[in-house]
Amino acid sequence: MNRPVFFISDSTGITAETLGSSLLTQFEHMEFEHHVVPYVDTVEKAQLAVEKINRAADNSRLQPIIFDTLVNQDIRDVIATSDGLIIDVLGTFLNKLEMALGEKPSSTVGRLKNADRDAKYKHRIDAVNFALDNDDGARINRYDKAELILIGVSRSGKTPTCLYIAMQNGIFVANYPLTEDDLEDLRLPKALAPHRERLFGLTIEAERLAAIRSERRPDSRYASLRQCEDEVRQAEALFMRFGIPYLDTTHASVEEIATRILVDTGLRGQRR
């Protein structure tokens, strides 16, 4: 039976889930059942959350783990009546920061000022729209607006990585698929040549690429192992010839790929 885990917040729950999930990954041999409970901003909603927690405890016969980022003490007191083990994500850090800084935290939900929050949100949405509009070489005439251009063979992970970087960091990212015609003479496509400094390559093991392509076009030349081997070899040769940094995506999650790219390129973007 998987142990139930609750991520409870008076806002979106992203912080509680991100930090809590990171901690749980250290317990490799255990399985968890995740429940995100956002916007618990009233005592009534807290009571409903307690009911969910207690039902999960009864069904699993295991004590649920609760990661919370609640700032209202009345609401926290209600959650404390549940059968779960509570881990106060904010309190763990805020208490030490209060001692170090000599100032009490504000205990205010959502500290970003509305203007700042709205501006950052709009910027991220603009970045996502840019990534969608410039996916798969759709609008090569707008590459001068891109802060980063991912290149690689088809199905090497370009699109999900672009969208993740755009949404999480507000960076304007485009991507371009390297085709057989591009790879044959080991020359940069004309659309990419003026933007060489913003290029970043993605590669992947041929066996994994063939498996991914087979899901889309089974028994096709496009998905054959030999075709995948040729394309991957030529793409990597192109990267090395023009000094384009690149990353193997075979065993990496989209989060890991994005983080490595940002570290290697020095791009910072903006956080939420």
C-alpha atoms as a PDB file:
ATOM      1  CA  MET A   1       0.000   0.000   0.000  1.00  0.00           C
ATOM      2  CA  ASN A   2       1.343   3.432  -0.947  1.00  0.00           C
ATOM      3  CA  ARG A   3       1.681   5.936   1.863  1.00  0.00           C
ATOM      4  CA  PRO A   4      -0.626   8.932   1.353  1.00  0.00           C
ATOM      5  CA  VAL A   5       1.067  12.328   1.206  1.00  0.00           C
ATOM      6  CA  PHE A   6      -0.795  15.641   1.314  1.00  0.00           C
ATOM      7  CA  PHE A   7       0.558  18.977   0.104  1.00  0.00           C
ATOM      8  CA  ILE A   8      -1.622  21.641   1.700  1.00  0.00           C
ATOM      9  CA  SER A   9      -1.402  25.349   0.998  1.00  0.00           C
ATOM     10  CA  ASP A  10      -3.389  28.568   1.253  1.00  0.00           C
ATOM     11  CA  SER A  11      -2.130  29.353  -2.257  1.00  0.00           C
ATOM     12  CA  THR A  12      -1.344  27.144  -5.281  1.00  0.00           C
ATOM     13  CA  GLY A  13       0.496  24.405  -3.396  1.00  0.00           C
ATOM     14  CA  ILE A  14       3.459  24.543  -5.773  1.00  0.00           C
ATOM     15  CA  THR A  15       5.983  25.313  -3.030  1.00  0.00           C
ATOM     16  CA  ALA A  16       4.702  22.592  -0.702  1.00  0.00           C
ATOM     17  CA  GLU A  17       4.642  20.001  -3.481  1.00  0.00           C
ATOM     18  CA  THR A  18       8.046  20.947  -4.887  1.00  0.00           C
ATOM     19  CA  LEU A  19       9.875  20.876  -1.559  1.00  0.00           C
ATOM     20  CA  GLY A  20       7.952  17.910  -0.215  1.00  0.00           C
ATOM     21  CA  SER A  21       8.454  15.834  -3.356  1.00  0.00           C
ATOM     22  CA  SER A  22      12.177  16.627  -3.327  1.00  0.00           C
ATOM     23  CA  LEU A  23      12.441  15.266   0.208  1.00  0.00           C
ATOM     24  CA  LEU A  24      10.458  12.136  -0.633  1.00  0.00           C
ATOM     25  CA  THR A  25      12.757  11.253  -3.537  1.00  0.00           C
ATOM     26  CA  GLN A  26      15.402  10.400  -0.934  1.00  0.00           C
ATOM     27  CA  PHE A  27      13.337   7.366   0.029  1.00  0.00           C
ATOM     28  CA  GLU A  28      13.886   5.373  -3.145  1.00  0.00           C
ATOM     29  CA  HIS A  29      12.260   2.125  -2.050  1.00  0.00           C
ATOM     30  CA  MET A  30       8.954   3.613  -0.938  1.00  0.00           C
ATOM     31  CA  GLU A  31       5.879   4.509  -2.983  1.00  0.00           C
ATOM     32  CA  PHE A  32       3.700   7.503  -2.219  1.00  0.00           C
ATOM     33  CA  GLU A  33       0.218   8.593  -3.200  1.00  0.00           C
ATOM     34  CA  HIS A  34       0.246  12.359  -3.758  1.00  0.00           C
ATOM     35  CA  HIS A  35      -2.692  14.643  -2.926  1.00  0.00           C
ATOM     36  CA  VAL A  36      -2.396  18.388  -3.592  1.00  0.00           C
ATOM     37  CA  VAL A  37      -4.900  20.491  -1.649  1.00  0.00           C
ATOM     38  CA  PRO A  38      -4.514  24.154  -2.678  1.00  0.00           C
ATOM     39  CA  TYR A  39      -6.272  27.332  -1.516  1.00  0.00           C
ATOM     40  CA  VAL A  40      -7.053  26.141   1.995  1.00  0.00           C
ATOM     41  CA  ASP A  41      -7.683  29.700   3.185  1.00  0.00           C
ATOM     42  CA  THR A  42     -10.629  29.245   5.558  1.00  0.00           C
ATOM     43  CA  VAL A  43     -11.311  27.113   8.618  1.00  0.00           C
ATOM     44  CA  GLU A  44     -14.118  25.395   6.686  1.00  0.00           C
ATOM     45  CA  LYS A  45     -11.759  24.348   3.900  1.00  0.00           C
ATOM     46  CA  ALA A  46      -9.259  23.151   6.505  1.00  0.00           C
ATOM     47  CA  GLN A  47     -11.959  20.949   8.057  1.00  0.00           C
ATOM     48  CA  LEU A  48     -12.693  19.428   4.639  1.00  0.00           C
ATOM     49  CA  ALA A  49      -8.964  18.782   4.196  1.00  0.00           C
ATOM     50  CA  VAL A  50      -8.866  17.016   7.571  1.00  0.00           C
ATOM     51  CA  GLU A  51     -11.693  14.742   6.436  1.00  0.00           C
ATOM     52  CA  LYS A  52      -9.705  13.796   3.304  1.00  0.00           C
ATOM     53  CA  ILE A  53      -6.593  13.126   5.348  1.00  0.00           C
ATOM     54  CA  ASN A  54      -8.422  10.948   7.859  1.00  0.00           C
ATOM     55  CA  ARG A  55     -10.169   8.958   5.105  1.00  0.00           C
ATOM     56  CA  ALA A  56      -6.786   8.301   3.488  1.00  0.00           C
ATOM     57  CA  ALA A  57      -5.440   7.145   6.845  1.00  0.00           C
ATOM     58  CA  ASP A  58      -8.352   4.733   7.299  1.00  0.00           C
ATOM     59  CA  ASN A  59      -8.111   3.362   3.765  1.00  0.00           C
ATOM     60  CA  SER A  60      -4.361   2.861   3.743  1.00  0.00           C
ATOM     61  CA  ARG A  61      -3.928   2.044   7.430  1.00  0.00           C
ATOM     62  CA  LEU A  62      -0.818   4.215   7.235  1.00  0.00           C
ATOM     63  CA  GLN A  63      -0.286   7.617   8.797  1.00  0.00           C
ATOM     64  CA  PRO A  64      -0.456  10.255   6.045  1.00  0.00           C
ATOM     65  CA  ILE A  65       2.398  12.726   5.704  1.00  0.00           C
ATOM     66  CA  ILE A  66       1.386  16.376   5.405  1.00  0.00           C
ATOM     67  CA  PHE A  67       3.608  19.072   3.910  1.00  0.00           C
ATOM     68  CA  ASP A  68       2.025  22.459   4.479  1.00  0.00           C
ATOM     69  CA  THR A  69       2.814  26.079   3.695  1.00  0.00           C
ATOM     70  CA  LEU A  70      -0.052  27.565   5.706  1.00  0.00           C
ATOM     71  CA  VAL A  71       0.527  30.922   7.379  1.00  0.00           C
ATOM     72  CA  ASN A  72      -2.779  31.341   9.209  1.00  0.00           C
ATOM     73  CA  GLN A  73      -2.476  29.803  12.685  1.00  0.00           C
ATOM     74  CA  ASP A  74      -6.214  29.108  13.042  1.00  0.00           C
ATOM     75  CA  ILE A  75      -6.139  27.060   9.848  1.00  0.00           C
ATOM     76  CA  ARG A  76      -2.960  25.282  10.937  1.00  0.00           C
ATOM     77  CA  ASP A  77      -4.612  24.399  14.245  1.00  0.00           C
ATOM     78  CA  VAL A  78      -7.456  22.676  12.370  1.00  0.00           C
ATOM     79  CA  ILE A  79      -5.036  20.681  10.193  1.00  0.00           C
ATOM     80  CA  ALA A  80      -3.201  19.662  13.361  1.00  0.00           C
ATOM     81  CA  THR A  81      -6.321  17.743  14.501  1.00  0.00           C
ATOM     82  CA  SER A  82      -5.915  15.302  11.608  1.00  0.00           C
ATOM     83  CA  ASP A  83      -4.339  11.867  11.827  1.00  0.00           C
ATOM     84  CA  GLY A  84      -1.396  12.950   9.690  1.00  0.00           C
ATOM     85  CA  LEU A  85       2.231  13.723  10.438  1.00  0.00           C
ATOM     86  CA  ILE A  86       2.642  17.457   9.774  1.00  0.00           C
ATOM     87  CA  ILE A  87       5.811  18.929   8.300  1.00  0.00           C
ATOM     88  CA  ASP A  88       5.692  22.732   8.382  1.00  0.00           C
ATOM     89  CA  VAL A  89       7.619  23.637   5.227  1.00  0.00           C
ATOM     90  CA  LEU A  90       7.669  27.405   5.836  1.00  0.00           C
ATOM     91  CA  GLY A  91       8.201  27.256   9.601  1.00  0.00           C
ATOM     92  CA  THR A  92      11.261  25.052   9.204  1.00  0.00           C
ATOM     93  CA  PHE A  93      13.035  27.875   7.390  1.00  0.00           C
ATOM     94  CA  LEU A  94      11.291  30.988   8.702  1.00  0.00           C
ATOM     95  CA  ASN A  95      12.186  30.344  12.345  1.00  0.00           C
ATOM     96  CA  LYS A  96      15.885  30.218  11.548  1.00  0.00           C
ATOM     97  CA  LEU A  97      15.630  33.242   9.251  1.00  0.00           C
ATOM     98  CA  GLU A  98      13.812  35.209  11.948  1.00  0.00           C
ATOM     99  CA  MET A  99      16.652  34.546  14.387  1.00  0.00           C
ATOM    100  CA  ALA A 100      19.321  35.408  11.832  1.00  0.00           C
ATOM    101  CA  LEU A 101      17.637  38.571  10.519  1.00  0.00           C
ATOM    102  CA  GLY A 102      16.214  39.824  13.792  1.00  0.00           C
ATOM    103  CA  GLU A 103      12.811  40.500  12.271  1.00  0.00           C
ATOM    104  CA  LYS A 104       9.523  38.635  12.371  1.00  0.00           C
ATOM    105  CA  PRO A 105       8.064  37.362   9.062  1.00  0.00           C
ATOM    106  CA  SER A 106       4.906  39.062   7.795  1.00  0.00           C
ATOM    107  CA  SER A 107       2.770  35.879   7.751  1.00  0.00           C
ATOM    108  CA  THR A 108       1.033  37.208   4.658  1.00  0.00           C
ATOM    109  CA  VAL A 109      -0.283  34.908   1.927  1.00  0.00           C
ATOM    110  CA  GLY A 110       1.216  35.667  -1.495  1.00  0.00           C
ATOM    111  CA  ARG A 111       3.957  38.222  -0.860  1.00  0.00           C
ATOM    112  CA  LEU A 112       4.414  39.383  -4.457  1.00  0.00           C
ATOM    113  CA  LYS A 113       2.851  42.767  -5.067  1.00  0.00           C
ATOM    114  CA  ASN A 114       0.016  42.593  -7.566  1.00  0.00           C
ATOM    115  CA  ALA A 115       1.855  44.679 -10.159  1.00  0.00           C
ATOM    116  CA  ASP A 116       4.981  42.554  -9.929  1.00  0.00           C
ATOM    117  CA  ARG A 117       2.972  39.343  -9.988  1.00  0.00           C
ATOM    118  CA  ASP A 118       0.909  40.412 -12.982  1.00  0.00           C
ATOM    119  CA  ALA A 119       3.964  41.581 -14.926  1.00  0.00           C
ATOM    120  CA  LYS A 120       5.825  38.329 -14.295  1.00  0.00           C
ATOM    121  CA  TYR A 121       2.772  36.267 -15.182  1.00  0.00           C
ATOM    122  CA  LYS A 122       2.278  38.164 -18.455  1.00  0.00           C
ATOM    123  CA  HIS A 123       5.955  37.772 -19.324  1.00  0.00           C
ATOM    124  CA  ARG A 124       5.821  34.005 -18.780  1.00  0.00           C
ATOM    125  CA  ILE A 125       2.654  33.700 -20.863  1.00  0.00           C
ATOM    126  CA  ASP A 126       4.328  35.716 -23.642  1.00  0.00           C
ATOM    127  CA  ALA A 127       7.309  33.356 -23.441  1.00  0.00           C
ATOM    128  CA  VAL A 128       5.054  30.281 -23.670  1.00  0.00           C
ATOM    129  CA  ASN A 129       3.220  31.737 -26.666  1.00  0.00           C
ATOM    130  CA  PHE A 130       6.560  32.452 -28.314  1.00  0.00           C
ATOM    131  CA  ALA A 131       7.688  28.859 -27.734  1.00  0.00           C
ATOM    132  CA  LEU A 132       4.463  27.537 -29.263  1.00  0.00           C
ATOM    133  CA  ASP A 133       4.628  29.894 -32.243  1.00  0.00           C
ATOM    134  CA  ASN A 134       8.263  29.018 -32.902  1.00  0.00           C
ATOM    135  CA  ASP A 135       8.046  25.272 -32.364  1.00  0.00           C
ATOM    136  CA  ASP A 136       9.662  22.915 -34.875  1.00  0.00           C
ATOM    137  CA  GLY A 137      11.051  25.685 -37.085  1.00  0.00           C
ATOM    138  CA  ALA A 138       7.606  27.173 -37.678  1.00  0.00           C
ATOM    139  CA  ARG A 139       8.696  30.820 -37.812  1.00  0.00           C
ATOM    140  CA  ILE A 140      12.377  31.107 -38.590  1.00  0.00           C
ATOM    141  CA  ASN A 141      11.967  34.827 -39.327  1.00  0.00           C
ATOM    142  CA  ARG A 142      11.451  35.480 -35.596  1.00  0.00           C
ATOM    143  CA  TYR A 143      14.633  33.855 -34.346  1.00  0.00           C
ATOM    144  CA  ASP A 144      16.129  37.282 -33.680  1.00  0.00           C
ATOM    145  CA  LYS A 145      13.636  37.568 -30.798  1.00  0.00           C
ATOM    146  CA  ALA A 146      14.734  34.287 -29.221  1.00  0.00           C
ATOM    147  CA  GLU A 147      17.075  34.206 -26.240  1.00  0.00           C
ATOM    148  CA  LEU A 148      17.767  30.530 -26.884  1.00  0.00           C
ATOM    149  CA  ILE A 149      17.270  28.185 -29.857  1.00  0.00           C
ATOM    150  CA  LEU A 150      17.275  24.440 -29.239  1.00  0.00           C
ATOM    151  CA  ILE A 151      18.290  22.247 -32.156  1.00  0.00           C
ATOM    152  CA  GLY A 152      18.348  18.498 -32.583  1.00  0.00           C
ATOM    153  CA  VAL A 153      16.871  15.616 -34.528  1.00  0.00           C
ATOM    154  CA  SER A 154      13.151  14.932 -34.417  1.00  0.00           C
ATOM    155  CA  ARG A 155      11.883  13.608 -31.031  1.00  0.00           C
ATOM    156  CA  SER A 156      15.019  14.473 -29.069  1.00  0.00           C
ATOM    157  CA  GLY A 157      13.071  16.486 -26.474  1.00  0.00           C
ATOM    158  CA  LYS A 158      13.109  20.003 -27.911  1.00  0.00           C
ATOM    159  CA  THR A 159       9.430  20.938 -27.593  1.00  0.00           C
ATOM    160  CA  PRO A 160       8.768  19.931 -23.950  1.00  0.00           C
ATOM    161  CA  THR A 161      12.055  21.524 -22.903  1.00  0.00           C
ATOM    162  CA  CYS A 162      11.173  24.800 -24.647  1.00  0.00           C
ATOM    163  CA  LEU A 163       7.767  24.929 -23.008  1.00  0.00           C
ATOM    164  CA  TYR A 164       9.173  24.122 -19.577  1.00  0.00           C
ATOM    165  CA  ILE A 165      11.855  26.811 -19.795  1.00  0.00           C
ATOM    166  CA  ALA A 166       9.318  29.343 -21.049  1.00  0.00           C
ATOM    167  CA  MET A 167       6.784  28.640 -18.318  1.00  0.00           C
ATOM    168  CA  GLN A 168       9.209  28.266 -15.427  1.00  0.00           C
ATOM    169  CA  ASN A 169      11.745  30.932 -16.367  1.00  0.00           C
ATOM    170  CA  GLY A 170      10.040  33.293 -18.775  1.00  0.00           C
ATOM    171  CA  ILE A 171      12.777  32.801 -21.373  1.00  0.00           C
ATOM    172  CA  PHE A 172      11.920  33.170 -25.051  1.00  0.00           C
ATOM    173  CA  VAL A 173      12.920  29.854 -26.619  1.00  0.00           C
ATOM    174  CA  ALA A 174      12.529  28.553 -30.165  1.00  0.00           C
ATOM    175  CA  ASN A 175      13.467  25.166 -31.555  1.00  0.00           C
ATOM    176  CA  TYR A 176      14.549  23.861 -34.933  1.00  0.00           C
ATOM    177  CA  PRO A 177      14.458  20.224 -36.109  1.00  0.00           C
ATOM    178  CA  LEU A 178      17.558  18.995 -37.918  1.00  0.00           C
ATOM    179  CA  THR A 179      16.424  17.062 -40.991  1.00  0.00           C
ATOM    180  CA  GLU A 180      18.309  14.679 -43.256  1.00  0.00           C
ATOM    181  CA  ASP A 181      18.919  17.523 -45.709  1.00  0.00           C
ATOM    182  CA  ASP A 182      20.436  19.660 -42.944  1.00  0.00           C
ATOM    183  CA  LEU A 183      22.691  16.849 -41.759  1.00  0.00           C
ATOM    184  CA  GLU A 184      24.026  15.506 -45.041  1.00  0.00           C
ATOM    185  CA  ASP A 185      26.617  18.237 -45.704  1.00  0.00           C
ATOM    186  CA  LEU A 186      27.308  19.106 -42.023  1.00  0.00           C
ATOM    187  CA  ARG A 187      26.454  22.757 -42.536  1.00  0.00           C
ATOM    188  CA  LEU A 188      24.362  24.970 -40.342  1.00  0.00           C
ATOM    189  CA  PRO A 189      20.951  25.633 -41.908  1.00  0.00           C
ATOM    190  CA  LYS A 190      20.729  29.181 -43.285  1.00  0.00           C
ATOM    191  CA  ALA A 191      18.031  30.049 -40.771  1.00  0.00           C
ATOM    192  CA  LEU A 192      20.367  29.222 -37.879  1.00  0.00           C
ATOM    193  CA  ALA A 193      23.677  30.621 -39.090  1.00  0.00           C
ATOM    194  CA  PRO A 194      23.036  34.242 -37.951  1.00  0.00           C
ATOM    195  CA  HIS A 195      22.083  33.025 -34.469  1.00  0.00           C
ATOM    196  CA  ARG A 196      24.956  30.656 -33.773  1.00  0.00           C
ATOM    197  CA  GLU A 197      25.693  32.103 -30.313  1.00  0.00           C
ATOM    198  CA  ARG A 198      22.157  31.293 -29.138  1.00  0.00           C
ATOM    199  CA  LEU A 199      22.108  27.682 -30.316  1.00  0.00           C
ATOM    200  CA  PHE A 200      22.039  24.725 -27.938  1.00  0.00           C
ATOM    201  CA  GLY A 201      21.889  21.130 -29.144  1.00  0.00           C
ATOM    202  CA  LEU A 202      19.975  18.153 -27.782  1.00  0.00           C
ATOM    203  CA  THR A 203      21.006  14.603 -28.573  1.00  0.00           C
ATOM    204  CA  ILE A 204      19.737  11.190 -27.503  1.00  0.00           C
ATOM    205  CA  GLU A 205      20.827   7.566 -27.663  1.00  0.00           C
ATOM    206  CA  ALA A 206      19.752   5.989 -30.957  1.00  0.00           C
ATOM    207  CA  GLU A 207      18.009   3.045 -29.285  1.00  0.00           C
ATOM    208  CA  ARG A 208      15.872   5.337 -27.171  1.00  0.00           C
ATOM    209  CA  LEU A 209      15.127   7.556 -30.162  1.00  0.00           C
ATOM    210  CA  ALA A 210      13.999   4.566 -32.212  1.00  0.00           C
ATOM    211  CA  ALA A 211      11.663   3.472 -29.407  1.00  0.00           C
ATOM    212  CA  ILE A 212      10.110   6.956 -29.163  1.00  0.00           C
ATOM    213  CA  ARG A 213       9.674   7.261 -32.917  1.00  0.00           C
ATOM    214  CA  SER A 214       8.170   3.781 -33.137  1.00  0.00           C
ATOM    215  CA  GLU A 215       5.315   4.922 -30.916  1.00  0.00           C
ATOM    216  CA  ARG A 216       4.524   7.582 -33.493  1.00  0.00           C
ATOM    217  CA  ARG A 217       5.326   5.772 -36.751  1.00  0.00           C
ATOM    218  CA  PRO A 218       5.833   2.042 -36.162  1.00  0.00           C
ATOM    219  CA  ASP A 219       7.735  -0.004 -38.770  1.00  0.00           C
ATOM    220  CA  SER A 220       8.818   3.122 -40.667  1.00  0.00           C
ATOM    221  CA  ARG A 221      12.210   4.158 -41.970  1.00  0.00           C
ATOM    222  CA  TYR A 222      11.889   7.217 -39.735  1.00  0.00           C
ATOM    223  CA  ALA A 223      11.811   4.945 -36.658  1.00  0.00           C
ATOM    224  CA  SER A 224      14.381   2.387 -37.765  1.00  0.00           C
ATOM    225  CA  LEU A 225      17.442   1.996 -35.572  1.00  0.00           C
ATOM    226  CA  ARG A 226      19.804   2.529 -38.491  1.00  0.00           C
ATOM    227  CA  GLN A 227      18.109   5.808 -39.447  1.00  0.00           C
ATOM    228  CA  CYS A 228      18.231   6.980 -35.835  1.00  0.00           C
ATOM    229  CA  GLU A 229      21.901   6.037 -35.522  1.00  0.00           C
ATOM    230  CA  ASP A 230      22.782   7.974 -38.686  1.00  0.00           C
ATOM    231  CA  GLU A 231      20.878  11.094 -37.637  1.00  0.00           C
ATOM    232  CA  VAL A 232      22.264  11.144 -34.089  1.00  0.00           C
ATOM    233  CA  ARG A 233      25.834  10.643 -35.314  1.00  0.00           C
ATOM    234  CA  GLN A 234      25.527  13.413 -37.908  1.00  0.00           C
ATOM    235  CA  ALA A 235      23.839  15.807 -35.477  1.00  0.00           C
ATOM    236  CA  GLU A 236      26.591  15.364 -32.901  1.00  0.00           C
ATOM    237  CA  ALA A 237      29.214  15.863 -35.612  1.00  0.00           C
ATOM    238  CA  LEU A 238      27.462  19.117 -36.565  1.00  0.00           C
ATOM    239  CA  PHE A 239      27.458  20.311 -32.965  1.00  0.00           C
ATOM    240  CA  MET A 240      31.161  19.602 -32.579  1.00  0.00           C
ATOM    241  CA  ARG A 241      32.097  21.159 -35.903  1.00  0.00           C
ATOM    242  CA  PHE A 242      30.490  24.482 -35.028  1.00  0.00           C
ATOM    243  CA  GLY A 243      31.246  24.459 -31.305  1.00  0.00           C
ATOM    244  CA  ILE A 244      27.584  24.231 -30.311  1.00  0.00           C
ATOM    245  CA  PRO A 245      27.126  23.055 -26.713  1.00  0.00           C
ATOM    246  CA  TYR A 246      24.841  20.042 -26.459  1.00  0.00           C
ATOM    247  CA  LEU A 247      23.289  17.694 -23.956  1.00  0.00           C
ATOM    248  CA  ASP A 248      22.282  14.033 -23.996  1.00  0.00           C
ATOM    249  CA  THR A 249      18.606  13.832 -22.976  1.00  0.00           C
ATOM    250  CA  THR A 250      18.321  10.031 -22.890  1.00  0.00           C
ATOM    251  CA  HIS A 251      18.138   9.516 -19.142  1.00  0.00           C
ATOM    252  CA  ALA A 252      17.183  13.031 -18.012  1.00  0.00           C
ATOM    253  CA  SER A 253      13.823  14.503 -17.046  1.00  0.00           C
ATOM    254  CA  VAL A 254      12.652  17.722 -18.658  1.00  0.00           C
ATOM    255  CA  GLU A 255      13.427  19.523 -15.390  1.00  0.00           C
ATOM    256  CA  GLU A 256      17.010  18.237 -15.427  1.00  0.00           C
ATOM    257  CA  ILE A 257      17.458  19.085 -19.109  1.00  0.00           C
ATOM    258  CA  ALA A 258      16.193  22.629 -18.599  1.00  0.00           C
ATOM    259  CA  THR A 259      18.360  23.210 -15.536  1.00  0.00           C
ATOM    260  CA  ARG A 260      21.501  21.961 -17.276  1.00  0.00           C
ATOM    261  CA  ILE A 261      20.827  24.184 -20.286  1.00  0.00           C
ATOM    262  CA  LEU A 262      20.355  27.275 -18.128  1.00  0.00           C
ATOM    263  CA  VAL A 263      23.526  26.532 -16.181  1.00  0.00           C
ATOM    264  CA  ASP A 264      25.565  25.924 -19.322  1.00  0.00           C
ATOM    265  CA  THR A 265      24.254  29.017 -21.123  1.00  0.00           C
ATOM    266  CA  GLY A 266      24.176  31.344 -18.126  1.00  0.00           C
ATOM    267  CA  LEU A 267      20.587  32.359 -18.860  1.00  0.00           C
ATOM    268  CA  ARG A 268      18.663  33.335 -15.744  1.00  0.00           C
ATOM    269  CA  GLY A 269      15.222  34.447 -16.805  1.00  0.00           C
ATOM    270  CA  GLN A 270      12.740  35.045 -14.011  1.00  0.00           C
ATOM    271  CA  ARG A 271      11.244  32.812 -11.378  1.00  0.00           C
ATOM    272  CA  ARG A 272       7.627  32.795 -10.280  1.00  0.00           C
END
